[in-house]
Amino acid sequence: MIDPPIDPAVFAALVEMTGGDVAFVDELVDTYFDDAREQIAALLAAVAAADVPAVVRPAHSLKTNSFNVGAMELGALCRDLEERGRTGELEDAAARVAAIVTGFDRVRQALLADRTARATG
C-alpha cells in the first residue's frame, strides 16, 4: 500500500509552529508549490542534458521543502535522487524524476484537498 502523500502529524506540527495561522500555512504551501515546480523543471532539464551533478541541488531543495510540509514519501524520493546524484549513479534518472513528478502531483492534490476541506468544513 502506498503511504498517504502527507503525514498528518508533520503537517499538524507545521500548523502548530505558525500558532494555528492556517492562512499563513496556506501561503507556505503555495510557496512550496511554486518552488517545487521550479525544482522539478530543473530536474527535468538536468536529465534531458544528462547533467548528473545538476540534479543534486534541486533534489536537495525539493527534499527539504517536502519534508517540511509532511510529504515524507516525496522527500525520500528526492533524498535518494540527491544521494545518487552526488555519487554519479544516475543511469535511471529519468524514471526517478518521473516518480518525483508523480509524487508531487499526489502531494499537491492532497494539500489542496485539505485546504478545501478546511474551507468548507
Protein backbone atom coordinates (compact mmCIF):
# COMPACT_ATOMS: atom_id res chain seq x y z
CA MET A 1 0.00 0.00 0.00
CA ILE A 2 1.21 3.49 -0.82
CA ASP A 3 1.62 5.81 2.14
CA PRO A 4 -0.60 8.89 2.25
CA PRO A 5 1.04 11.78 0.39
CA ILE A 6 1.09 13.95 3.53
CA ASP A 7 1.96 12.80 7.05
CA PRO A 8 -0.82 14.36 9.16
CA ALA A 9 1.37 14.65 12.27
CA VAL A 10 4.09 16.55 10.42
CA PHE A 11 1.56 18.86 8.79
CA ALA A 12 -0.15 19.44 12.15
CA ALA A 13 3.24 20.36 13.63
CA LEU A 14 3.69 22.90 10.84
CA VAL A 15 0.31 24.44 11.64
CA GLU A 16 1.21 24.47 15.33
CA MET A 17 4.55 26.20 14.62
CA THR A 18 2.62 29.04 12.97
CA GLY A 19 0.41 29.41 16.02
CA GLY A 20 -2.51 27.89 14.16
CA ASP A 21 -2.44 30.56 11.46
CA VAL A 22 -3.92 28.48 8.64
CA ALA A 23 -3.90 31.43 6.24
CA PHE A 24 -0.13 31.66 6.71
CA VAL A 25 0.18 27.89 6.30
CA ASP A 26 -1.74 28.19 3.02
CA GLU A 27 0.78 30.82 1.89
CA LEU A 28 3.64 28.50 2.85
CA VAL A 29 2.03 25.68 0.89
CA ASP A 30 1.57 27.94 -2.15
CA THR A 31 5.25 28.90 -1.92
CA TYR A 32 6.11 25.20 -1.68
CA PHE A 33 4.07 24.54 -4.85
CA ASP A 34 5.82 27.31 -6.77
CA ASP A 35 9.28 26.25 -5.62
CA ALA A 36 8.56 22.57 -6.30
CA ARG A 37 7.59 23.37 -9.87
CA GLU A 38 10.89 25.23 -10.34
CA GLN A 39 12.91 22.38 -8.81
CA ILE A 40 11.11 19.79 -10.93
CA ALA A 41 11.77 21.86 -14.06
CA ALA A 42 15.46 21.98 -13.10
CA LEU A 43 15.49 18.20 -12.57
CA LEU A 44 13.86 17.60 -15.94
CA ALA A 45 16.37 19.91 -17.64
CA ALA A 46 19.30 18.19 -15.90
CA VAL A 47 18.08 14.76 -17.01
CA ALA A 48 17.47 15.97 -20.57
CA ALA A 49 21.02 17.34 -20.67
CA ALA A 50 22.45 14.20 -19.00
CA ASP A 51 23.98 16.54 -16.42
CA VAL A 52 24.25 14.33 -13.34
CA PRO A 53 25.72 16.96 -10.99
CA ALA A 54 22.88 19.34 -11.89
CA VAL A 55 20.29 17.06 -10.24
CA VAL A 56 21.79 17.43 -6.76
CA ARG A 57 20.74 20.96 -5.85
CA PRO A 58 17.08 20.83 -6.99
CA ALA A 59 16.69 17.35 -5.50
CA HIS A 60 18.09 18.64 -2.19
CA SER A 61 15.83 21.69 -2.16
CA LEU A 62 12.69 19.74 -3.05
CA LYS A 63 13.59 17.09 -0.45
CA THR A 64 13.92 19.61 2.36
CA ASN A 65 10.77 21.52 1.48
CA SER A 66 8.77 18.32 1.02
CA PHE A 67 9.76 17.03 4.45
CA ASN A 68 8.78 20.40 5.95
CA VAL A 69 5.17 20.08 4.70
CA GLY A 70 4.92 16.41 5.61
CA ALA A 71 5.43 14.95 2.14
CA MET A 72 7.58 12.15 3.50
CA GLU A 73 7.46 9.76 0.55
CA LEU A 74 8.25 12.54 -1.93
CA GLY A 75 11.05 13.75 0.32
CA ALA A 76 12.51 10.23 0.39
CA LEU A 77 12.40 10.00 -3.42
CA CYS A 78 14.24 13.32 -3.63
CA ARG A 79 16.77 12.26 -0.99
CA ASP A 80 17.53 9.10 -2.97
CA LEU A 81 17.96 11.07 -6.20
CA GLU A 82 20.18 13.61 -4.42
CA GLU A 83 22.40 10.88 -2.95
CA ARG A 84 22.68 9.09 -6.27
CA GLY A 85 23.50 12.37 -7.99
CA ARG A 86 26.32 13.00 -5.51
CA THR A 87 27.83 9.60 -6.31
CA GLY A 88 27.17 9.80 -10.05
CA GLU A 89 24.87 6.75 -10.01
CA LEU A 90 22.01 8.03 -12.16
CA GLU A 91 21.56 5.60 -15.01
CA ASP A 92 17.83 5.56 -14.22
CA ALA A 93 17.49 9.29 -13.56
CA ALA A 94 14.56 9.81 -15.94
CA ALA A 95 12.48 7.17 -14.15
CA ARG A 96 13.39 8.61 -10.75
CA VAL A 97 12.41 12.12 -11.82
CA ALA A 98 9.17 10.78 -13.29
CA ALA A 99 8.40 9.21 -9.89
CA ILE A 100 9.10 12.59 -8.26
CA VAL A 101 6.72 14.32 -10.69
CA THR A 102 4.00 11.77 -9.90
CA GLY A 103 4.71 12.09 -6.18
CA PHE A 104 4.47 15.87 -6.32
CA ASP A 105 1.12 15.62 -8.13
CA ARG A 106 -0.20 13.40 -5.31
CA VAL A 107 1.15 15.79 -2.65
CA ARG A 108 -0.33 18.82 -4.38
CA GLN A 109 -3.74 17.16 -4.70
CA ALA A 110 -3.69 16.12 -1.04
CA LEU A 111 -2.72 19.57 0.22
CA LEU A 112 -5.34 21.27 -1.94
CA ALA A 113 -8.00 18.77 -0.81
CA ASP A 114 -7.08 19.52 2.81
CA ARG A 115 -7.38 23.24 2.14
CA THR A 116 -10.79 22.78 0.52
CA ALA A 117 -11.97 20.59 3.41
CA ARG A 118 -10.92 23.24 5.94
CA ALA A 119 -12.66 25.97 3.95
CA THR A 120 -15.93 24.07 3.63
CA GLY A 121 -15.93 22.18 6.86
